[in-house]
Protein backbone atom coordinates (compact mmCIF):
# COMPACT_ATOMS: atom_id res chain seq x y z
CA MET A 1 -19.71 13.18 3.60
CA GLU A 2 -21.63 15.82 5.47
CA ILE A 3 -20.22 19.11 6.77
CA LEU A 4 -21.55 19.89 10.24
CA ILE A 5 -22.70 23.46 10.69
CA ASN A 6 -21.74 24.74 14.14
CA ARG A 7 -19.61 27.38 15.81
CA GLU A 8 -16.52 25.20 15.75
CA THR A 9 -16.82 24.74 11.99
CA ASP A 10 -17.34 28.49 11.58
CA ASN A 11 -14.23 29.08 13.68
CA LEU A 12 -12.11 26.56 11.73
CA MET A 13 -13.18 28.20 8.46
CA LYS A 14 -11.36 31.36 9.60
CA ASP A 15 -8.13 29.44 8.95
CA THR A 16 -8.73 28.66 5.28
CA ASP A 17 -5.68 26.41 4.92
CA ALA A 18 -6.70 24.29 7.93
CA PHE A 19 -10.31 24.06 6.76
CA LEU A 20 -9.22 23.16 3.21
CA MET A 21 -6.89 20.45 4.51
CA MET A 22 -9.63 18.99 6.73
CA LEU A 23 -12.06 19.08 3.80
CA LYS A 24 -9.61 17.33 1.46
CA ILE A 25 -8.82 14.70 4.10
CA ALA A 26 -12.53 14.06 4.70
CA TYR A 27 -13.20 13.90 0.95
CA ASN A 28 -10.30 11.49 0.30
CA THR A 29 -10.93 9.25 3.32
CA LYS A 30 -11.17 5.56 2.51
CA ARG A 31 -14.71 4.46 3.42
CA GLU A 32 -14.72 0.72 2.77
CA ASP A 33 -12.34 -2.18 3.22
CA SER A 34 -11.07 -2.66 -0.32
CA PHE A 35 -7.76 -2.70 -2.18
CA SER A 36 -6.09 0.70 -2.48
CA ILE A 37 -2.76 2.19 -3.51
CA PRO A 38 -1.26 3.32 -1.26
CA ASP A 39 -2.40 0.67 1.21
CA LEU A 40 -4.80 2.59 3.46
CA GLU A 41 -6.94 1.50 6.37
CA VAL A 42 -10.61 2.48 6.46
CA GLY A 43 -10.70 6.03 7.84
CA GLU A 44 -7.32 7.07 6.39
CA ALA A 45 -6.58 9.45 3.52
CA PHE A 46 -3.41 9.97 1.49
CA ILE A 47 -2.53 13.66 1.20
CA THR A 48 0.29 15.81 -0.12
CA ALA A 49 0.74 19.54 -0.57
CA ASP A 50 0.03 19.05 -4.28
CA ILE A 51 -3.25 17.22 -3.63
CA ILE A 52 -4.42 20.04 -1.38
CA GLY A 53 -3.01 22.77 -3.62
CA ILE A 54 -0.81 24.55 -1.07
CA SER A 55 2.93 25.09 -0.66
CA GLN A 56 5.13 22.62 1.22
CA GLN A 57 5.70 25.17 4.01
CA THR A 58 1.97 25.84 4.39
CA PHE A 59 1.36 22.07 4.33
CA ARG A 60 3.79 21.47 7.20
CA THR A 61 2.48 24.42 9.23
CA THR A 62 -1.15 23.40 8.75
CA LYS A 63 -0.43 19.78 9.67
CA LYS A 64 1.13 20.96 12.93
CA LYS A 65 -1.91 23.11 13.74
CA LEU A 66 -4.43 20.35 13.07
CA GLU A 67 -2.41 17.88 15.12
CA LYS A 68 -1.99 20.36 17.98
CA TRP A 69 -5.72 21.09 18.00
CA GLY A 70 -6.45 17.35 18.20
CA PHE A 71 -8.38 17.19 14.91
CA VAL A 72 -6.13 14.96 12.76
CA SER A 73 -3.38 12.40 13.27
CA PHE A 74 -0.67 12.03 10.63
CA LYS A 75 1.78 9.32 9.58
CA THR A 76 4.47 10.20 7.06
CA ASN A 77 6.13 7.86 4.60
CA ASN A 78 8.47 8.41 1.65
CA LYS A 79 5.56 9.04 -0.78
CA GLY A 80 3.46 11.43 1.28
CA THR A 81 1.30 11.63 4.35
CA ILE A 82 -1.45 9.40 5.69
CA ALA A 83 -4.05 11.41 7.61
CA ARG A 84 -6.91 10.35 9.87
CA ILE A 85 -9.55 12.74 11.18
CA ILE A 86 -9.89 12.00 14.90
CA THR A 87 -12.79 14.31 15.74
CA ASP A 88 -16.43 14.32 14.73
CA LYS A 89 -16.87 18.08 15.20
CA PHE A 90 -16.73 19.07 11.53
CA PHE A 91 -17.64 16.18 9.21
CA ARG A 92 -19.76 13.08 9.19
CA ILE A 93 -17.96 10.63 6.89
């Protein structure tokens, strides 16, 4: 994974919760087609508030921001959240 240095990354870093969530998603993204629990597609990451180290309320608020900004798509199931980064502005995975 490579962090791209640009003005948009600098701007995202001003919202530390959003940047941390993006970083954790990028870090945890499945990179190859292999068996995984939970069953993830290549390009998806399993995340929870505990994995990121933030409160449930902050988790929900930050998810909404990232989705609104068009950076991440989320699917929720009974065990947590599946996230997919849908922009190439911040990371090269």
